[in-house]
Amino acid sequence: MLGKLKKGEKGRILDVSGIDHLVRRRLLDLGITEGAEVCIKCFLPFGGPVMVESSGQCVGIRRKEAIQIEVERL
């Protein structure tokens, strides 16, 4: 799960089918797709989003959705 990686860890996205289809569409538009390599930049405080870097850009993903994205550690 993407939300279970630690700061600085890298992973490859395996499955995004568990999240809402509108959020999934937005992530696909931003390049966060199955097979994409991501790196956890930070976890914002107070239950805020997870900052993820993919293809040179930083994207914030809500924690409840990050937990539903399956990844493999690299």
PDB file of N, CA and C in Angstrom:
ATOM      1  N   MET A   1       0.824  -1.182   0.000  1.00  0.00           N
ATOM      2  CA  MET A   1       0.000   0.000   0.000  1.00  0.00           C
ATOM      3  C   MET A   1       0.870   1.248   0.000  1.00  0.00           C
ATOM      4  N   LEU A   2       0.488   2.208  -0.799  1.00  0.00           N
ATOM      5  CA  LEU A   2       1.264   3.440  -0.916  1.00  0.00           C
ATOM      6  C   LEU A   2       1.339   4.161   0.430  1.00  0.00           C
ATOM      7  N   GLY A   3       0.249   4.171   1.171  1.00  0.00           N
ATOM      8  CA  GLY A   3       0.220   4.849   2.464  1.00  0.00           C
ATOM      9  C   GLY A   3       1.085   4.196   3.525  1.00  0.00           C
ATOM     10  N   LYS A   4       1.551   2.972   3.285  1.00  0.00           N
ATOM     11  CA  LYS A   4       2.379   2.256   4.258  1.00  0.00           C
ATOM     12  C   LYS A   4       3.873   2.442   4.021  1.00  0.00           C
ATOM     13  N   LEU A   5       4.268   3.008   2.876  1.00  0.00           N
ATOM     14  CA  LEU A   5       5.685   3.281   2.643  1.00  0.00           C
ATOM     15  C   LEU A   5       6.152   4.388   3.579  1.00  0.00           C
ATOM     16  N   LYS A   6       7.434   4.416   3.859  1.00  0.00           N
ATOM     17  CA  LYS A   6       8.004   5.459   4.715  1.00  0.00           C
ATOM     18  C   LYS A   6       8.593   6.574   3.853  1.00  0.00           C
ATOM     19  N   LYS A   7       8.832   7.706   4.490  1.00  0.00           N
ATOM     20  CA  LYS A   7       9.413   8.854   3.794  1.00  0.00           C
ATOM     21  C   LYS A   7      10.726   8.451   3.134  1.00  0.00           C
ATOM     22  N   GLY A   8      10.880   8.784   1.843  1.00  0.00           N
ATOM     23  CA  GLY A   8      12.085   8.474   1.095  1.00  0.00           C
ATOM     24  C   GLY A   8      12.066   7.134   0.382  1.00  0.00           C
ATOM     25  N   GLU A   9      11.110   6.264   0.728  1.00  0.00           N
ATOM     26  CA  GLU A   9      11.038   4.956   0.069  1.00  0.00           C
ATOM     27  C   GLU A   9      10.440   5.096  -1.328  1.00  0.00           C
ATOM     28  N   LYS A  10      10.879   4.186  -2.209  1.00  0.00           N
ATOM     29  CA  LYS A  10      10.360   4.169  -3.575  1.00  0.00           C
ATOM     30  C   LYS A  10       9.527   2.917  -3.783  1.00  0.00           C
ATOM     31  N   GLY A  11       8.575   3.040  -4.695  1.00  0.00           N
ATOM     32  CA  GLY A  11       7.735   1.898  -5.018  1.00  0.00           C
ATOM     33  C   GLY A  11       7.236   1.986  -6.445  1.00  0.00           C
ATOM     34  N   ARG A  12       6.702   0.863  -6.918  1.00  0.00           N
ATOM     35  CA  ARG A  12       6.098   0.816  -8.248  1.00  0.00           C
ATOM     36  C   ARG A  12       4.611   0.522  -8.054  1.00  0.00           C
ATOM     37  N   ILE A  13       3.776   1.311  -8.704  1.00  0.00           N
ATOM     38  CA  ILE A  13       2.326   1.161  -8.566  1.00  0.00           C
ATOM     39  C   ILE A  13       1.885  -0.116  -9.275  1.00  0.00           C
ATOM     40  N   LEU A  14       1.150  -0.947  -8.543  1.00  0.00           N
ATOM     41  CA  LEU A  14       0.651  -2.197  -9.098  1.00  0.00           C
ATOM     42  C   LEU A  14      -0.825  -2.122  -9.456  1.00  0.00           C
ATOM     43  N   ASP A  15      -1.635  -1.457  -8.586  1.00  0.00           N
ATOM     44  CA  ASP A  15      -3.083  -1.465  -8.788  1.00  0.00           C
ATOM     45  C   ASP A  15      -3.707  -0.197  -8.199  1.00  0.00           C
ATOM     46  N   VAL A  16      -4.491   0.501  -9.012  1.00  0.00           N
ATOM     47  CA  VAL A  16      -5.204   1.693  -8.538  1.00  0.00           C
ATOM     48  C   VAL A  16      -6.715   1.498  -8.627  1.00  0.00           C
ATOM     49  N   SER A  17      -7.166   0.261  -8.866  1.00  0.00           N
ATOM     50  CA  SER A  17      -8.588   0.019  -9.079  1.00  0.00           C
ATOM     51  C   SER A  17      -9.424   0.162  -7.809  1.00  0.00           C
ATOM     52  N   GLY A  18      -8.784   0.192  -6.635  1.00  0.00           N
ATOM     53  CA  GLY A  18      -9.526   0.277  -5.380  1.00  0.00           C
ATOM     54  C   GLY A  18     -10.039   1.663  -5.038  1.00  0.00           C
ATOM     55  N   ILE A  19      -9.603   2.691  -5.751  1.00  0.00           N
ATOM     56  CA  ILE A  19     -10.022   4.050  -5.405  1.00  0.00           C
ATOM     57  C   ILE A  19     -11.143   4.523  -6.325  1.00  0.00           C
ATOM     58  N   ASP A  20     -11.799   5.588  -5.908  1.00  0.00           N
ATOM     59  CA  ASP A  20     -12.914   6.173  -6.658  1.00  0.00           C
ATOM     60  C   ASP A  20     -12.496   6.471  -8.094  1.00  0.00           C
ATOM     61  N   HIS A  21     -13.404   6.261  -9.024  1.00  0.00           N
ATOM     62  CA  HIS A  21     -13.041   6.393 -10.440  1.00  0.00           C
ATOM     63  C   HIS A  21     -12.682   7.824 -10.833  1.00  0.00           C
ATOM     64  N   LEU A  22     -13.256   8.838 -10.192  1.00  0.00           N
ATOM     65  CA  LEU A  22     -12.875  10.227 -10.509  1.00  0.00           C
ATOM     66  C   LEU A  22     -11.466  10.543 -10.020  1.00  0.00           C
ATOM     67  N   VAL A  23     -11.133  10.054  -8.835  1.00  0.00           N
ATOM     68  CA  VAL A  23      -9.778  10.252  -8.299  1.00  0.00           C
ATOM     69  C   VAL A  23      -8.780   9.475  -9.147  1.00  0.00           C
ATOM     70  N   ARG A  24      -9.146   8.250  -9.524  1.00  0.00           N
ATOM     71  CA  ARG A  24      -8.278   7.430 -10.369  1.00  0.00           C
ATOM     72  C   ARG A  24      -8.003   8.132 -11.693  1.00  0.00           C
ATOM     73  N   ARG A  25      -9.035   8.727 -12.276  1.00  0.00           N
ATOM     74  CA  ARG A  25      -8.871   9.448 -13.547  1.00  0.00           C
ATOM     75  C   ARG A  25      -7.904  10.623 -13.389  1.00  0.00           C
ATOM     76  N   ARG A  26      -8.033  11.362 -12.281  1.00  0.00           N
ATOM     77  CA  ARG A  26      -7.148  12.504 -12.030  1.00  0.00           C
ATOM     78  C   ARG A  26      -5.705  12.042 -11.855  1.00  0.00           C
ATOM     79  N   LEU A  27      -5.504  10.955 -11.115  1.00  0.00           N
ATOM     80  CA  LEU A  27      -4.151  10.419 -10.932  1.00  0.00           C
ATOM     81  C   LEU A  27      -3.561   9.971 -12.258  1.00  0.00           C
ATOM     82  N   LEU A  28      -4.370   9.344 -13.096  1.00  0.00           N
ATOM     83  CA  LEU A  28      -3.890   8.921 -14.414  1.00  0.00           C
ATOM     84  C   LEU A  28      -3.474  10.127 -15.243  1.00  0.00           C
ATOM     85  N   ASP A  29      -4.252  11.211 -15.156  1.00  0.00           N
ATOM     86  CA  ASP A  29      -3.901  12.447 -15.870  1.00  0.00           C
ATOM     87  C   ASP A  29      -2.566  13.009 -15.393  1.00  0.00           C
ATOM     88  N   LEU A  30      -2.244  12.791 -14.108  1.00  0.00           N
ATOM     89  CA  LEU A  30      -1.001  13.301 -13.531  1.00  0.00           C
ATOM     90  C   LEU A  30       0.171  12.329 -13.700  1.00  0.00           C
ATOM     91  N   GLY A  31      -0.068  11.195 -14.329  1.00  0.00           N
ATOM     92  CA  GLY A  31       1.015  10.246 -14.577  1.00  0.00           C
ATOM     93  C   GLY A  31       1.193   9.196 -13.505  1.00  0.00           C
ATOM     94  N   ILE A  32       0.283   9.150 -12.533  1.00  0.00           N
ATOM     95  CA  ILE A  32       0.355   8.128 -11.482  1.00  0.00           C
ATOM     96  C   ILE A  32      -0.482   6.953 -11.976  1.00  0.00           C
ATOM     97  N   THR A  33       0.152   6.060 -12.715  1.00  0.00           N
ATOM     98  CA  THR A  33      -0.534   4.929 -13.324  1.00  0.00           C
ATOM     99  C   THR A  33       0.112   3.629 -12.885  1.00  0.00           C
ATOM    100  N   GLU A  34      -0.525   2.530 -13.224  1.00  0.00           N
ATOM    101  CA  GLU A  34       0.051   1.228 -12.915  1.00  0.00           C
ATOM    102  C   GLU A  34       1.372   1.095 -13.655  1.00  0.00           C
ATOM    103  N   GLY A  35       2.404   0.708 -12.940  1.00  0.00           N
ATOM    104  CA  GLY A  35       3.741   0.582 -13.506  1.00  0.00           C
ATOM    105  C   GLY A  35       4.622   1.795 -13.260  1.00  0.00           C
ATOM    106  N   ALA A  36       4.026   2.909 -12.816  1.00  0.00           N
ATOM    107  CA  ALA A  36       4.809   4.124 -12.565  1.00  0.00           C
ATOM    108  C   ALA A  36       5.610   3.980 -11.278  1.00  0.00           C
ATOM    109  N   GLU A  37       6.810   4.561 -11.274  1.00  0.00           N
ATOM    110  CA  GLU A  37       7.660   4.576 -10.092  1.00  0.00           C
ATOM    111  C   GLU A  37       7.358   5.831  -9.293  1.00  0.00           C
ATOM    112  N   VAL A  38       7.184   5.676  -7.974  1.00  0.00           N
ATOM    113  CA  VAL A  38       6.882   6.817  -7.112  1.00  0.00           C
ATOM    114  C   VAL A  38       7.840   6.821  -5.924  1.00  0.00           C
ATOM    115  N   CYS A  39       8.002   8.000  -5.349  1.00  0.00           N
ATOM    116  CA  CYS A  39       8.833   8.164  -4.158  1.00  0.00           C
ATOM    117  C   CYS A  39       8.042   8.991  -3.152  1.00  0.00           C
ATOM    118  N   ILE A  40       8.000   8.547  -1.901  1.00  0.00           N
ATOM    119  CA  ILE A  40       7.295   9.286  -0.858  1.00  0.00           C
ATOM    120  C   ILE A  40       8.177  10.451  -0.417  1.00  0.00           C
ATOM    121  N   LYS A  41       7.684  11.664  -0.555  1.00  0.00           N
ATOM    122  CA  LYS A  41       8.427  12.858  -0.146  1.00  0.00           C
ATOM    123  C   LYS A  41       8.165  13.194   1.308  1.00  0.00           C
ATOM    124  N   CYS A  42       6.895  13.216   1.713  1.00  0.00           N
ATOM    125  CA  CYS A  42       6.575  13.498   3.112  1.00  0.00           C
ATOM    126  C   CYS A  42       5.111  13.194   3.396  1.00  0.00           C
ATOM    127  N   PHE A  43       4.798  13.113   4.674  1.00  0.00           N
ATOM    128  CA  PHE A  43       3.428  12.975   5.144  1.00  0.00           C
ATOM    129  C   PHE A  43       3.088  14.270   5.855  1.00  0.00           C
ATOM    130  N   LEU A  44       2.107  14.988   5.380  1.00  0.00           N
ATOM    131  CA  LEU A  44       1.735  16.248   6.012  1.00  0.00           C
ATOM    132  C   LEU A  44       1.025  15.960   7.332  1.00  0.00           C
ATOM    133  N   PRO A  45       1.191  16.839   8.331  1.00  0.00           N
ATOM    134  CA  PRO A  45       0.668  16.574   9.670  1.00  0.00           C
ATOM    135  C   PRO A  45      -0.861  16.623   9.751  1.00  0.00           C
ATOM    136  N   PHE A  46      -1.359  16.133  10.880  1.00  0.00           N
ATOM    137  CA  PHE A  46      -2.784  16.184  11.225  1.00  0.00           C
ATOM    138  C   PHE A  46      -3.647  15.419  10.222  1.00  0.00           C
ATOM    139  N   GLY A  47      -3.136  14.287   9.735  1.00  0.00           N
ATOM    140  CA  GLY A  47      -3.904  13.470   8.808  1.00  0.00           C
ATOM    141  C   GLY A  47      -3.970  14.039   7.409  1.00  0.00           C
ATOM    142  N   GLY A  48      -3.065  14.942   7.081  1.00  0.00           N
ATOM    143  CA  GLY A  48      -3.033  15.567   5.762  1.00  0.00           C
ATOM    144  C   GLY A  48      -2.573  14.593   4.693  1.00  0.00           C
ATOM    145  N   PRO A  49      -2.437  15.082   3.476  1.00  0.00           N
ATOM    146  CA  PRO A  49      -2.092  14.187   2.363  1.00  0.00           C
ATOM    147  C   PRO A  49      -0.661  13.680   2.388  1.00  0.00           C
ATOM    148  N   VAL A  50      -0.436  12.663   1.570  1.00  0.00           N
ATOM    149  CA  VAL A  50       0.887  12.096   1.336  1.00  0.00           C
ATOM    150  C   VAL A  50       1.438  12.787   0.101  1.00  0.00           C
ATOM    151  N   MET A  51       2.631  13.350   0.199  1.00  0.00           N
ATOM    152  CA  MET A  51       3.260  13.986  -0.958  1.00  0.00           C
ATOM    153  C   MET A  51       4.109  12.938  -1.664  1.00  0.00           C
ATOM    154  N   VAL A  52       3.795  12.707  -2.933  1.00  0.00           N
ATOM    155  CA  VAL A  52       4.422  11.662  -3.732  1.00  0.00           C
ATOM    156  C   VAL A  52       5.060  12.303  -4.957  1.00  0.00           C
ATOM    157  N   GLU A  53       6.282  11.874  -5.287  1.00  0.00           N
ATOM    158  CA  GLU A  53       6.932  12.349  -6.508  1.00  0.00           C
ATOM    159  C   GLU A  53       6.892  11.242  -7.560  1.00  0.00           C
ATOM    160  N   SER A  54       6.447  11.625  -8.750  1.00  0.00           N
ATOM    161  CA  SER A  54       6.415  10.699  -9.871  1.00  0.00           C
ATOM    162  C   SER A  54       6.724  11.469 -11.137  1.00  0.00           C
ATOM    163  N   SER A  55       7.645  10.986 -11.914  1.00  0.00           N
ATOM    164  CA  SER A  55       8.042  11.626 -13.181  1.00  0.00           C
ATOM    165  C   SER A  55       8.448  13.082 -12.986  1.00  0.00           C
ATOM    166  N   GLY A  56       9.125  13.381 -11.882  1.00  0.00           N
ATOM    167  CA  GLY A  56       9.629  14.727 -11.642  1.00  0.00           C
ATOM    168  C   GLY A  56       8.633  15.718 -11.096  1.00  0.00           C
ATOM    169  N   GLN A  57       7.399  15.290 -10.819  1.00  0.00           N
ATOM    170  CA  GLN A  57       6.425  16.215 -10.244  1.00  0.00           C
ATOM    171  C   GLN A  57       5.923  15.684  -8.908  1.00  0.00           C
ATOM    172  N   CYS A  58       5.568  16.609  -8.023  1.00  0.00           N
ATOM    173  CA  CYS A  58       5.067  16.257  -6.698  1.00  0.00           C
ATOM    174  C   CYS A  58       3.541  16.362  -6.698  1.00  0.00           C
ATOM    175  N   VAL A  59       2.892  15.336  -6.145  1.00  0.00           N
ATOM    176  CA  VAL A  59       1.438  15.274  -6.105  1.00  0.00           C
ATOM    177  C   VAL A  59       1.023  14.917  -4.685  1.00  0.00           C
ATOM    178  N   GLY A  60      -0.006  15.578  -4.182  1.00  0.00           N
ATOM    179  CA  GLY A  60      -0.573  15.248  -2.878  1.00  0.00           C
ATOM    180  C   GLY A  60      -1.740  14.289  -3.054  1.00  0.00           C
ATOM    181  N   ILE A  61      -1.718  13.190  -2.313  1.00  0.00           N
ATOM    182  CA  ILE A  61      -2.791  12.194  -2.379  1.00  0.00           C
ATOM    183  C   ILE A  61      -3.350  12.020  -0.969  1.00  0.00           C
ATOM    184  N   ARG A  62      -4.675  12.091  -0.846  1.00  0.00           N
ATOM    185  CA  ARG A  62      -5.293  11.892   0.472  1.00  0.00           C
ATOM    186  C   ARG A  62      -4.869  10.541   1.042  1.00  0.00           C
ATOM    187  N   ARG A  63      -4.680  10.500   2.354  1.00  0.00           N
ATOM    188  CA  ARG A  63      -4.214   9.253   2.974  1.00  0.00           C
ATOM    189  C   ARG A  63      -5.194   8.112   2.773  1.00  0.00           C
ATOM    190  N   LYS A  64      -6.492   8.400   2.838  1.00  0.00           N
ATOM    191  CA  LYS A  64      -7.475   7.318   2.682  1.00  0.00           C
ATOM    192  C   LYS A  64      -7.399   6.702   1.286  1.00  0.00           C
ATOM    193  N   GLU A  65      -6.977   7.492   0.287  1.00  0.00           N
ATOM    194  CA  GLU A  65      -6.826   6.958  -1.052  1.00  0.00           C
ATOM    195  C   GLU A  65      -5.442   6.330  -1.243  1.00  0.00           C
ATOM    196  N   ALA A  66      -4.432   6.885  -0.590  1.00  0.00           N
ATOM    197  CA  ALA A  66      -3.081   6.318  -0.691  1.00  0.00           C
ATOM    198  C   ALA A  66      -3.048   4.901  -0.125  1.00  0.00           C
ATOM    199  N   ILE A  67      -3.841   4.637   0.886  1.00  0.00           N
ATOM    200  CA  ILE A  67      -3.886   3.304   1.491  1.00  0.00           C
ATOM    201  C   ILE A  67      -4.478   2.285   0.521  1.00  0.00           C
ATOM    202  N   GLN A  68      -5.313   2.742  -0.397  1.00  0.00           N
ATOM    203  CA  GLN A  68      -5.979   1.832  -1.329  1.00  0.00           C
ATOM    204  C   GLN A  68      -5.167   1.568  -2.598  1.00  0.00           C
ATOM    205  N   ILE A  69      -4.018   2.241  -2.772  1.00  0.00           N
ATOM    206  CA  ILE A  69      -3.183   2.051  -3.944  1.00  0.00           C
ATOM    207  C   ILE A  69      -2.124   1.000  -3.624  1.00  0.00           C
ATOM    208  N   GLU A  70      -2.151  -0.098  -4.370  1.00  0.00           N
ATOM    209  CA  GLU A  70      -1.200  -1.197  -4.151  1.00  0.00           C
ATOM    210  C   GLU A  70       0.129  -0.871  -4.829  1.00  0.00           C
ATOM    211  N   VAL A  71       1.241  -1.030  -4.065  1.00  0.00           N
ATOM    212  CA  VAL A  71       2.578  -0.795  -4.606  1.00  0.00           C
ATOM    213  C   VAL A  71       3.512  -1.926  -4.178  1.00  0.00           C
ATOM    214  N   GLU A  72       4.623  -2.048  -4.902  1.00  0.00           N
ATOM    215  CA  GLU A  72       5.701  -2.930  -4.460  1.00  0.00           C
ATOM    216  C   GLU A  72       6.912  -2.060  -4.143  1.00  0.00           C
ATOM    217  N   ARG A  73       7.583  -2.362  -3.062  1.00  0.00           N
ATOM    218  CA  ARG A  73       8.787  -1.597  -2.699  1.00  0.00           C
ATOM    219  C   ARG A  73       9.895  -1.862  -3.689  1.00  0.00           C
ATOM    220  N   LEU A  74      10.684  -0.823  -3.953  1.00  0.00           N
ATOM    221  CA  LEU A  74      11.845  -0.966  -4.846  1.00  0.00           C
ATOM    222  C   LEU A  74      13.131  -0.862  -4.041  1.00  0.00           C
TER     223      LEU A  74
END
